[in-house]
Protein backbone atom coordinates (compact mmCIF):
# COMPACT_ATOMS: atom_id res chain seq x y z
CA MET A 1 35.53 2.79 -5.26
CA ALA A 2 31.73 3.08 -5.51
CA PRO A 3 30.06 6.32 -4.33
CA TYR A 4 28.98 6.41 -0.69
CA PHE A 5 25.25 6.58 -1.44
CA LEU A 6 25.49 3.35 -3.51
CA MET A 7 27.59 1.50 -0.93
CA ASN A 8 25.18 2.60 1.77
CA LEU A 9 22.16 1.00 0.09
CA ILE A 10 22.91 -2.11 2.14
CA PRO A 11 22.48 -1.10 5.80
CA GLN A 12 25.33 -1.70 8.23
CA ARG A 13 24.90 -4.75 10.39
CA GLN A 14 24.19 -3.88 14.00
CA LYS A 15 25.59 -5.83 16.95
CA THR A 16 22.00 -6.51 17.99
CA ASP A 17 21.47 -8.35 14.67
CA ASP A 18 23.57 -11.21 16.05
CA GLU A 19 20.81 -11.80 18.61
CA ALA A 20 18.00 -11.69 16.03
CA ARG A 21 15.88 -14.81 15.80
CA PRO A 22 15.32 -16.70 12.52
CA LEU A 23 12.12 -15.67 10.76
CA LEU A 24 10.31 -18.96 11.34
CA THR A 25 11.20 -18.86 15.04
CA ALA A 26 9.88 -15.30 15.30
CA LEU A 27 6.64 -16.26 13.53
CA ALA A 28 6.19 -19.35 15.70
CA GLY A 29 6.49 -17.16 18.80
CA LEU A 30 3.62 -14.84 17.83
CA SER A 31 0.56 -14.92 20.07
CA TRP A 32 -2.93 -15.22 18.62
CA ILE A 33 -3.54 -11.55 19.46
CA GLN A 34 -0.49 -10.53 17.43
CA TRP A 35 -1.73 -12.62 14.51
CA ALA A 36 -5.22 -11.14 14.92
CA HIS A 37 -3.89 -7.57 15.00
CA PHE A 38 -1.92 -8.21 11.82
CA PHE A 39 -4.95 -9.78 10.12
CA SER A 40 -7.20 -6.88 11.11
CA GLY A 41 -4.76 -4.35 9.65
CA TRP A 42 -4.41 -6.42 6.48
CA LEU A 43 -8.19 -6.82 6.19
CA ALA A 44 -8.82 -3.08 6.60
CA TRP A 45 -6.41 -2.32 3.76
CA THR A 46 -7.94 -5.10 1.63
CA CYS A 47 -11.39 -3.57 2.08
CA ASP A 48 -9.99 -0.18 1.15
CA ALA A 49 -8.78 -1.60 -2.17
CA ILE A 50 -12.09 -3.35 -2.93
CA ASP A 51 -13.93 -0.08 -2.36
CA PHE A 52 -11.50 1.98 -4.45
CA PHE A 53 -11.20 -0.33 -7.45
CA SER A 54 -14.97 -0.70 -7.72
CA VAL A 55 -14.79 2.36 -9.97
CA SER A 56 -11.76 1.28 -12.02
CA LEU A 57 -13.37 -2.07 -12.85
CA THR A 58 -16.70 -0.55 -13.89
CA VAL A 59 -15.59 2.50 -15.91
CA SER A 60 -17.31 1.26 -19.06
CA ARG A 61 -20.55 0.43 -17.24
CA LEU A 62 -20.51 3.76 -15.40
CA ALA A 63 -19.92 5.61 -18.67
CA THR A 64 -23.00 3.90 -20.13
CA GLN A 65 -25.05 4.47 -16.96
CA PHE A 66 -24.34 8.21 -16.79
CA ASP A 67 -23.83 8.79 -20.54
CA LYS A 68 -20.30 10.12 -20.04
CA LYS A 69 -16.88 9.64 -21.62
CA THR A 70 -14.10 7.60 -20.03
CA ALA A 71 -12.19 10.77 -19.09
CA ASP A 72 -15.30 12.06 -17.28
CA ILE A 73 -15.67 8.86 -15.24
CA THR A 74 -12.01 8.97 -14.20
CA THR A 75 -12.81 12.32 -12.55
CA ALA A 76 -14.31 10.24 -9.74
CA ILE A 77 -10.96 8.49 -9.27
CA THR A 78 -9.16 11.83 -9.25
CA LEU A 79 -11.49 13.34 -6.63
CA THR A 80 -11.16 10.29 -4.40
CA LEU A 81 -7.36 10.49 -4.51
CA LEU A 82 -7.32 14.27 -4.00
CA LEU A 83 -9.33 14.13 -0.78
CA ARG A 84 -7.61 11.14 0.78
CA VAL A 85 -5.04 13.44 2.41
CA VAL A 86 -7.84 15.05 4.46
CA GLY A 87 -8.78 11.68 5.91
CA ALA A 88 -5.14 10.83 6.55
CA VAL A 89 -4.68 13.97 8.64
CA ILE A 90 -7.92 13.56 10.61
CA PHE A 91 -7.72 9.86 11.39
CA GLY A 92 -3.93 9.79 11.72
CA ILE A 93 -4.05 12.42 14.45
CA LEU A 94 -6.92 10.59 16.19
CA SER A 95 -4.98 7.33 16.06
CA ASP A 96 -1.71 8.74 17.39
CA ARG A 97 -3.57 10.56 20.14
CA PHE A 98 -6.28 8.08 21.20
CA GLY A 99 -5.12 4.69 19.96
CA ARG A 100 -5.37 2.38 16.96
CA LYS A 101 -8.65 0.63 17.70
CA TRP A 102 -11.69 2.91 17.72
CA PRO A 103 -10.49 5.47 15.14
CA LEU A 104 -10.02 2.57 12.69
CA VAL A 105 -13.41 1.06 13.54
CA PHE A 106 -15.13 4.43 13.04
CA ASN A 107 -13.21 4.98 9.79
CA LEU A 108 -14.25 1.60 8.37
CA VAL A 109 -17.90 2.21 9.21
CA ILE A 110 -17.83 5.58 7.42
CA VAL A 111 -16.24 4.01 4.35
CA ALA A 112 -18.83 1.21 4.34
CA LEU A 113 -21.73 3.68 4.52
CA LEU A 114 -20.36 5.82 1.70
CA GLN A 115 -19.67 2.77 -0.47
CA LEU A 116 -23.24 1.62 0.18
CA GLY A 117 -24.57 5.04 -0.76
CA ALA A 118 -22.59 5.08 -4.03
CA GLY A 119 -24.66 2.12 -5.16
CA PHE A 120 -27.90 4.12 -4.86
CA VAL A 121 -27.00 7.32 -6.77
CA ASN A 122 -28.94 8.20 -9.91
CA THR A 123 -26.96 11.10 -11.39
CA PHE A 124 -23.30 11.61 -12.21
CA SER A 125 -23.12 14.65 -9.90
CA GLU A 126 -24.36 12.54 -6.98
CA PHE A 127 -21.81 9.87 -7.83
CA LEU A 128 -18.95 12.40 -7.83
CA ALA A 129 -20.12 13.86 -4.51
CA VAL A 130 -20.26 10.47 -2.78
CA ARG A 131 -16.89 9.39 -4.16
CA SER A 132 -15.35 12.67 -3.00
CA LEU A 133 -16.57 12.06 0.56
CA PHE A 134 -15.43 8.47 0.22
CA GLY A 135 -11.92 9.76 -0.48
CA ILE A 136 -11.84 11.42 2.95
CA GLY A 137 -12.84 8.16 4.61
CA MET A 138 -10.48 6.08 2.54
CA GLY A 139 -7.52 8.34 3.30
CA GLY A 140 -7.45 7.44 6.97
CA ILE A 141 -7.27 3.68 6.68
CA TRP A 142 -3.75 2.97 5.40
CA GLY A 143 -1.81 4.70 8.19
CA MET A 144 -3.86 3.06 10.94
CA ALA A 145 -3.93 -0.34 9.22
CA ALA A 146 -0.15 -0.34 8.71
CA SER A 147 0.62 0.72 12.27
CA THR A 148 -1.83 -1.84 13.68
CA ALA A 149 -0.35 -4.63 11.61
CA LEU A 150 3.37 -3.86 12.02
CA GLU A 151 3.93 -2.37 15.47
CA ASN A 152 2.71 -5.56 17.15
CA LEU A 153 5.15 -7.78 15.22
CA PRO A 154 8.74 -8.51 16.31
CA VAL A 155 11.45 -6.71 14.31
CA GLU A 156 12.53 -9.94 12.58
CA ALA A 157 9.07 -10.41 11.02
CA ARG A 158 8.34 -6.82 9.97
CA GLY A 159 9.85 -7.04 6.49
CA LEU A 160 7.69 -10.02 5.51
CA GLY A 161 4.76 -8.50 7.40
CA SER A 162 5.12 -5.28 5.42
CA GLY A 163 5.02 -7.12 2.10
CA VAL A 164 2.00 -9.23 3.02
CA MET A 165 0.12 -6.33 4.61
CA GLN A 166 0.65 -4.00 1.64
CA GLN A 167 -0.57 -6.67 -0.77
CA GLY A 168 -3.92 -6.56 0.93
CA TYR A 169 -4.30 -3.85 -1.73
CA ALA A 170 -3.72 -6.40 -4.51
CA VAL A 171 -5.93 -8.96 -2.76
CA GLY A 172 -8.68 -6.35 -2.56
CA TYR A 173 -8.31 -5.60 -6.25
CA LEU A 174 -8.42 -9.36 -6.88
CA PHE A 175 -11.63 -9.77 -4.84
CA ALA A 176 -13.22 -6.82 -6.62
CA ALA A 177 -12.26 -8.29 -10.00
CA CYS A 178 -13.77 -11.67 -9.09
CA ILE A 179 -17.01 -10.02 -7.94
CA ASN A 180 -17.07 -7.97 -11.14
CA LEU A 181 -16.46 -11.14 -13.18
CA LYS A 182 -19.03 -13.46 -11.59
CA LEU A 183 -21.67 -11.35 -9.82
CA VAL A 184 -22.04 -8.09 -11.73
CA PRO A 185 -22.96 -9.58 -15.17
CA VAL A 186 -25.70 -11.87 -13.78
CA VAL A 187 -27.64 -9.51 -11.47
CA SER A 188 -30.00 -6.72 -12.47
CA PRO A 189 -28.27 -3.94 -10.43
CA THR A 190 -25.03 -4.70 -12.42
CA TRP A 191 -22.25 -2.35 -11.21
CA ARG A 192 -24.21 -1.37 -8.09
CA ALA A 193 -23.91 -4.93 -6.76
CA LEU A 194 -20.12 -4.56 -6.63
CA PHE A 195 -20.41 -1.42 -4.48
CA TRP A 196 -22.93 -3.02 -2.10
CA THR A 197 -20.84 -6.17 -1.69
CA ALA A 198 -17.74 -4.07 -0.98
CA SER A 199 -19.69 -2.15 1.66
CA GLY A 200 -20.65 -5.36 3.46
CA ILE A 201 -17.02 -6.53 3.56
CA SER A 202 -15.95 -3.19 5.08
CA PHE A 203 -18.60 -3.52 7.80
CA PHE A 204 -17.22 -6.99 8.53
CA ALA A 205 -13.70 -5.58 8.89
CA ALA A 206 -15.00 -2.95 11.33
CA VAL A 207 -16.59 -5.67 13.48
CA ILE A 208 -13.38 -7.70 13.53
CA ARG A 209 -11.33 -4.70 14.70
CA ALA A 210 -13.94 -3.80 17.32
CA ILE A 211 -13.70 -7.29 18.85
CA LEU A 212 -9.91 -7.18 19.19
CA PRO A 213 -8.14 -5.29 22.00
CA GLU A 214 -6.17 -2.07 21.61
CA SER A 215 -2.61 -2.25 20.30
CA GLU A 216 -0.18 -3.49 22.98
CA TYR A 217 2.06 -0.51 22.25
CA PHE A 218 -0.67 1.93 23.30
CA LEU A 219 -1.78 -0.14 26.28
CA LYS A 220 1.76 -0.04 27.67
CA GLN A 221 2.02 3.73 27.24
CA LYS A 222 -1.36 4.32 28.89
CA ALA A 223 -0.37 2.13 31.81
CA ARG A 224 2.91 4.01 32.20
CA GLU A 225 1.13 7.38 32.11
CA HIS A 226 -1.81 6.34 34.27
CA GLY A 227 -2.53 8.89 36.99
CA HIS A 228 0.23 11.29 35.93
CA THR A 229 -1.62 13.48 33.43
CA ASN A 230 -5.25 14.02 32.50
CA SER A 231 -6.74 13.98 29.01
CA THR A 232 -6.54 17.76 28.54
CA GLU A 233 -2.84 17.82 29.43
CA LYS A 234 -2.18 14.93 27.07
CA THR A 235 -3.91 16.76 24.23
CA LYS A 236 -1.86 19.91 24.89
CA THR A 237 1.30 17.81 24.95
CA PHE A 238 0.25 16.12 21.69
CA ILE A 239 -0.18 19.49 19.94
CA LYS A 240 3.14 20.71 21.30
CA GLU A 241 5.00 17.57 20.22
CA THR A 242 3.37 17.68 16.77
CA GLY A 243 4.74 21.19 16.23
CA LYS A 244 8.15 20.09 17.46
CA MET A 245 8.14 17.13 15.09
CA VAL A 246 7.36 19.34 12.09
CA ARG A 247 10.13 21.82 13.00
CA ILE A 248 12.71 19.07 13.44
CA HIS A 249 11.68 16.88 10.50
CA TRP A 250 10.56 19.35 7.85
CA LEU A 251 13.15 18.07 5.37
CA LEU A 252 12.09 14.49 6.00
CA CYS A 253 8.48 15.56 5.32
CA ILE A 254 9.49 16.95 1.92
CA TYR A 255 11.41 13.79 1.09
CA ALA A 256 8.49 11.56 2.11
CA LEU A 257 6.21 13.56 -0.19
CA LEU A 258 8.55 13.05 -3.18
CA PHE A 259 8.99 9.37 -2.30
CA MET A 260 5.26 8.68 -2.08
CA THR A 261 4.43 10.78 -5.14
CA GLY A 262 6.65 8.51 -7.21
CA PHE A 263 5.14 5.38 -5.71
CA ASN A 264 1.55 6.51 -6.19
CA PHE A 265 2.17 7.47 -9.82
CA LEU A 266 3.73 4.02 -10.29
CA SER A 267 0.77 2.22 -8.74
CA HIS A 268 -2.16 4.21 -10.10
CA GLY A 269 -0.53 4.70 -13.48
CA SER A 270 -0.26 0.92 -13.92
CA GLN A 271 -3.64 -0.05 -12.45
CA ASP A 272 -6.46 2.48 -12.56
CA LEU A 273 -7.00 2.54 -16.32
CA TYR A 274 -5.70 -0.98 -17.02
CA PRO A 275 -9.05 -2.77 -17.67
CA THR A 276 -10.16 0.10 -19.93
CA TYR A 277 -6.78 0.02 -21.74
CA LEU A 278 -7.21 -3.69 -22.53
CA GLN A 279 -10.74 -3.23 -23.81
CA ASP A 280 -10.33 0.00 -25.78
CA SER A 281 -6.74 -0.20 -27.06
CA LYS A 282 -6.28 -3.96 -27.42
CA GLY A 283 -9.81 -5.08 -28.28
CA ILE A 284 -9.96 -7.49 -25.33
CA SER A 285 -13.42 -8.40 -24.05
CA ASN A 286 -14.62 -7.21 -20.65
CA HIS A 287 -14.46 -10.80 -19.36
CA ASP A 288 -10.87 -11.36 -20.53
CA ALA A 289 -9.79 -7.91 -19.28
CA THR A 290 -11.03 -8.90 -15.83
CA ILE A 291 -9.16 -12.22 -16.05
CA ALA A 292 -5.96 -10.36 -16.99
CA THR A 293 -6.49 -8.04 -14.03
CA ILE A 294 -6.79 -11.06 -11.73
CA ILE A 295 -3.59 -12.55 -13.15
CA GLY A 296 -1.81 -9.24 -12.66
CA ASN A 297 -2.86 -9.11 -9.03
CA CYS A 298 -1.56 -12.62 -8.47
CA GLY A 299 1.81 -11.27 -9.58
CA ALA A 300 1.37 -8.33 -7.21
CA ILE A 301 0.71 -10.59 -4.22
CA ALA A 302 3.75 -12.74 -5.00
CA GLY A 303 6.00 -9.72 -5.56
CA GLY A 304 4.95 -7.97 -2.37
CA ALA A 305 5.57 -10.96 -0.12
CA ILE A 306 8.94 -11.78 -1.72
CA ALA A 307 10.17 -8.18 -1.65
CA GLY A 308 9.14 -7.67 1.95
CA PHE A 309 10.99 -10.83 2.98
CA VAL A 310 14.12 -9.95 0.99
CA SER A 311 14.20 -6.41 2.41
CA GLN A 312 14.79 -7.83 5.88
CA TYR A 313 18.22 -9.02 4.70
CA ILE A 314 19.44 -6.65 1.97
CA GLY A 315 17.73 -3.48 3.16
CA ARG A 316 14.59 -1.57 2.23
CA ARG A 317 16.04 0.82 -0.37
CA LEU A 318 18.05 -1.75 -2.31
CA THR A 319 14.99 -4.01 -2.53
CA ILE A 320 12.88 -1.13 -3.86
CA VAL A 321 15.50 -0.25 -6.47
CA ILE A 322 15.74 -3.86 -7.70
CA PHE A 323 11.98 -4.26 -8.09
CA VAL A 324 11.52 -0.87 -9.78
CA LEU A 325 14.25 -1.89 -12.27
CA LEU A 326 12.17 -5.00 -12.97
CA VAL A 327 9.24 -2.73 -13.77
CA GLY A 328 11.30 -0.92 -16.38
CA CYS A 329 12.40 -4.21 -17.95
CA PHE A 330 8.83 -5.50 -18.32
CA ILE A 331 7.19 -2.37 -19.78
CA PRO A 332 7.54 -3.66 -23.40
CA LEU A 333 5.80 -6.94 -22.52
CA TRP A 334 3.06 -4.90 -20.85
CA ILE A 335 2.20 -2.64 -23.81
CA ILE A 336 3.42 -4.17 -27.10
CA PRO A 337 1.61 -7.55 -27.45
CA SER A 338 -1.92 -7.89 -28.80
CA SER A 339 -2.82 -11.43 -27.71
CA PHE A 340 -4.52 -12.13 -24.41
CA GLY A 341 -1.84 -14.57 -23.19
CA ALA A 342 1.06 -12.17 -23.73
CA LEU A 343 -0.82 -9.22 -22.23
CA ALA A 344 -1.75 -11.29 -19.16
CA ALA A 345 1.91 -12.30 -18.77
CA GLY A 346 2.88 -8.64 -19.02
CA ALA A 347 0.32 -7.75 -16.35
CA PHE A 348 1.74 -10.42 -14.02
CA CYS A 349 5.33 -9.27 -14.50
CA ILE A 350 4.68 -5.53 -14.26
CA GLN A 351 2.59 -5.92 -11.10
CA PHE A 352 5.19 -8.29 -9.62
CA GLY A 353 7.65 -5.39 -9.88
CA VAL A 354 5.29 -2.53 -8.97
CA GLN A 355 3.72 -4.15 -5.96
CA GLY A 356 6.96 -5.85 -5.00
CA ALA A 357 8.49 -2.39 -4.54
CA TRP A 358 5.30 -1.29 -2.79
CA GLY A 359 5.57 -4.21 -0.39
CA VAL A 360 8.54 -2.52 1.26
CA VAL A 361 6.79 0.86 1.60
CA PRO A 362 4.85 0.26 4.88
CA ILE A 363 7.92 -0.77 6.86
CA GLN A 364 10.20 1.76 5.13
CA LEU A 365 7.82 4.60 6.03
CA ALA A 366 7.26 3.27 9.55
CA GLU A 367 11.02 3.06 10.19
CA MET A 368 11.86 6.45 8.71
CA SER A 369 8.93 8.21 10.41
CA PRO A 370 9.22 10.08 13.71
CA PRO A 371 8.34 7.10 15.96
CA ALA A 372 5.55 8.81 17.92
CA PHE A 373 3.69 9.67 14.71
CA ARG A 374 3.63 6.30 12.93
CA ALA A 375 -0.05 6.66 11.98
CA THR A 376 -0.07 10.36 11.08
CA PHE A 377 3.28 10.72 9.29
CA PRO A 378 3.13 7.67 6.96
CA GLY A 379 -0.59 8.15 6.34
CA VAL A 380 -0.29 11.83 5.43
CA ALA A 381 2.84 11.23 3.32
CA TYR A 382 1.05 8.41 1.51
CA GLN A 383 -2.06 10.47 0.80
CA LEU A 384 -0.17 13.63 -0.15
CA GLY A 385 1.55 11.48 -2.76
CA ASN A 386 -1.89 10.27 -3.80
CA MET A 387 -3.06 13.87 -4.10
CA VAL A 388 -0.15 14.84 -6.36
CA SER A 389 -0.64 11.73 -8.50
CA SER A 390 -4.44 11.87 -8.42
CA ALA A 391 -4.72 12.85 -12.08
CA SER A 392 -2.72 9.84 -13.34
CA ALA A 393 -5.80 8.09 -14.74
CA GLN A 394 -7.02 11.31 -16.35
CA ILE A 395 -3.56 11.99 -17.80
CA GLU A 396 -3.59 8.55 -19.40
CA ALA A 397 -7.21 8.88 -20.57
CA THR A 398 -6.63 12.33 -22.07
CA GLY A 399 -3.29 11.37 -23.62
CA GLY A 400 -4.79 8.20 -25.07
CA ALA A 401 -7.64 10.20 -26.59
CA HIS A 402 -5.12 12.29 -28.53
CA GLU A 403 -2.74 9.44 -29.39
CA ARG A 404 -4.64 7.08 -31.67
CA THR A 405 -3.85 3.63 -33.04
CA THR A 406 -5.57 1.12 -35.31
CA ILE A 407 -6.55 -2.38 -34.18
CA THR A 408 -8.17 -5.32 -35.98
CA ARG A 409 -11.21 -6.78 -34.26
CA ALA A 410 -12.00 -10.49 -34.10
CA ASN A 411 -14.52 -10.13 -36.95
CA GLY A 412 -11.82 -8.71 -39.23
CA THR A 413 -12.87 -5.05 -39.07
CA THR A 414 -10.37 -2.32 -38.25
CA GLU A 415 -10.97 0.51 -35.81
CA ASN A 416 -9.19 3.68 -34.76
CA VAL A 417 -8.89 3.59 -30.94
CA PRO A 418 -7.14 5.50 -28.10
CA ASP A 419 -3.48 4.48 -27.76
CA TYR A 420 -3.39 4.05 -23.98
CA ALA A 421 -0.44 1.66 -24.32
CA LYS A 422 2.02 4.31 -25.48
CA VAL A 423 0.88 6.84 -22.86
CA GLN A 424 1.08 4.29 -20.02
CA GLY A 425 4.49 3.06 -21.14
CA ILE A 426 6.00 6.56 -21.23
CA LEU A 427 4.45 7.54 -17.89
CA ILE A 428 5.57 4.41 -16.03
CA GLY A 429 9.07 4.58 -17.54
CA CYS A 430 9.58 8.17 -16.37
CA VAL A 431 8.14 7.45 -12.93
CA ALA A 432 10.36 4.39 -12.48
CA ALA A 433 13.49 6.43 -13.25
CA PHE A 434 12.42 9.19 -10.85
CA LEU A 435 11.66 6.69 -8.08
CA ILE A 436 15.04 4.97 -8.36
CA VAL A 437 16.87 8.28 -7.89
CA VAL A 438 14.70 9.38 -4.96
CA THR A 439 15.04 6.01 -3.22
CA ILE A 440 18.83 5.89 -3.55
CA LEU A 441 19.22 9.41 -2.14
CA GLY A 442 16.85 8.82 0.77
CA PRO A 443 17.24 7.61 4.37
CA GLU A 444 16.81 4.13 5.80
CA ASN A 445 16.38 3.20 9.47
CA HIS A 446 16.54 -0.53 8.88
CA GLY A 447 15.54 -2.60 11.91
CA SER A 448 14.35 0.39 13.93
CA HIS A 449 12.78 -0.51 17.29
CA PHE A 450 10.14 2.19 16.97
CA GLU A 451 7.89 0.47 19.49
CA LYS A 452 10.36 1.47 22.25
CA HIS A 453 9.83 5.21 21.69
CA LYS A 454 7.44 7.47 23.50
CA THR A 455 3.96 8.22 22.23
CA ALA A 456 2.94 11.57 20.77
CA PHE A 457 1.07 12.59 23.94
CA GLU A 458 4.22 12.30 26.11
CA GLU A 459 6.84 15.01 26.60
CA GLY A 460 9.64 14.42 24.10
CA GLY A 461 7.50 12.30 21.81
CA GLY A 462 8.25 14.56 18.85
CA GLU A 463 11.99 13.83 19.03
CA ASP A 464 13.67 10.85 17.41
CA ASP A 465 15.91 10.19 20.39
CA ALA A 466 13.03 9.95 22.87
CA VAL A 467 13.52 6.23 23.52
CA VAL A 468 11.80 4.49 26.39
CA ASP A 469 14.32 1.65 26.33
CA ASP A 470 17.41 2.53 24.29
CA ASP A 471 19.19 -0.82 24.51
CA ASP A 472 18.42 -1.38 20.84
CA ALA A 473 19.24 1.69 18.74
CA PRO A 474 17.86 1.89 15.20
CA ASN A 475 20.11 1.44 12.20
CA HIS A 476 20.19 4.90 10.61
CA ALA A 477 21.42 4.74 7.04
CA GLY A 478 21.23 7.20 4.21
CA PRO A 479 22.47 10.70 3.46
CA SER A 480 22.99 12.75 6.60
CA HIS A 481 21.14 15.79 5.25
CA ILE A 482 17.87 13.85 5.45
CA ARG A 483 18.36 12.98 9.12
CA GLU A 484 17.31 16.08 10.98
CA SER A 485 17.90 15.14 14.60
CA ALA A 486 21.33 16.16 15.84
CA SER A 487 21.28 13.51 18.54
CA ILE A 488 20.79 10.80 15.95
CA ASN A 489 23.65 12.11 13.85
CA GLU A 490 25.89 12.02 16.90
CA LYS A 491 24.85 8.48 17.72
CA ALA A 492 25.42 7.34 14.11
CA SER A 493 28.88 8.96 14.17
CA VAL A 494 29.81 7.20 17.40
CA ASP A 495 28.59 3.84 16.06
CA GLN A 496 30.65 4.30 12.90
CA LYS A 497 33.81 5.11 14.88
CA GLU A 498 33.29 2.06 17.07
CA SER A 499 32.89 -0.19 14.04
CA VAL A 500 36.11 1.20 12.54
CA ASN A 501 37.99 0.57 15.78
CA VAL A 502 36.74 -2.99 15.89
């Protein structure tokens, strides 16, 4: 008989699942406001990716501009990732306390201004300073974008919604690559034009979110609390419930950090230095490296949508494990070939697996999070993982500088170049193995009705069992030592006994 943790990868079917609507029926029943909320969350995350990958796509141009080495330029990527956790804490708390709308609008405006400013710097020190501040702004967007996009969808559509929303990241990378391919080479500001264009798109996203109403989830809670407590009392309650949540869920916090560290190493290790790897280690032109990046992101978009959809039926953790295994299988195709066609195929396949697994992350984090803290908890966990993995590009750049290989250029000359392929292959292989183990051993609250729980500014909001309408209990799967709330353990035990009796 298979071990319990393997059998439990597929979540137990709940009696409420029998009443679940087919996906197409659920999608057809969405109102235009629900569609608009989802689009605004997706667009915010897309803009975030355009802004971030502006550096990754222009490493060579930036190195020439500032007369620096590749490893020096990747310091900007590291600083951005390090400081994202600060933004996640600030804007996550603002969102859980005051709502999804205006904190996200304010966040997008800040990001747009900093991205605009990055295009005007003249020294490398100024560039690092602006990108560091940009990291704070960037860190707040994912948690608010994910909660805005997913909490307004019905449960039946959240798996697919998670995959599509998360691949706003790949779409953003795709947009940035297209701008870098067609605009940057033909205008005099070169790399600066990419930063300015990205800034304008972020301003547009802020306008879209400002036009739309507040999340229905928050409007309902405000209406229910209207006249009972004032703003000061709500803030005191929020602080109290935050402390309670940390005391109850400290083990879950540690797990989320390990989970997101693995995922961020997987993502940044396979993307941030990829265009430079193709140019320096494989002798691919800047134009073809950009084309390969675009092809890879097409694979990412397809993988994310498919994985998110599949996770609705076979569970979040099992879907992640399957797609991470695909990553391991395609590493040789990603690093061994020398021709453009084979390398582009490797990029498509590896990103299909990487971003396919990532497509499940928004809904997996939202369902495992303490329900009242769905902006703060996922956002901070995400960005803490980013902080730990922030040096991934520098690790690859430094390792590649020490590991050398010889390539033959198109003109027949040979050259000794950094062997980024070997370093990336080893890093991604180790990360994939780590992530599979962490995912299998972790929790899963598949199909959780987190929108029925109290907000963080209500008494009891920091407890998992604080349900406003408990007709639909979440499906708690995974090792019991991860689930901190005693009430949830009791409920899971009762459900299991009932299923045995049936």
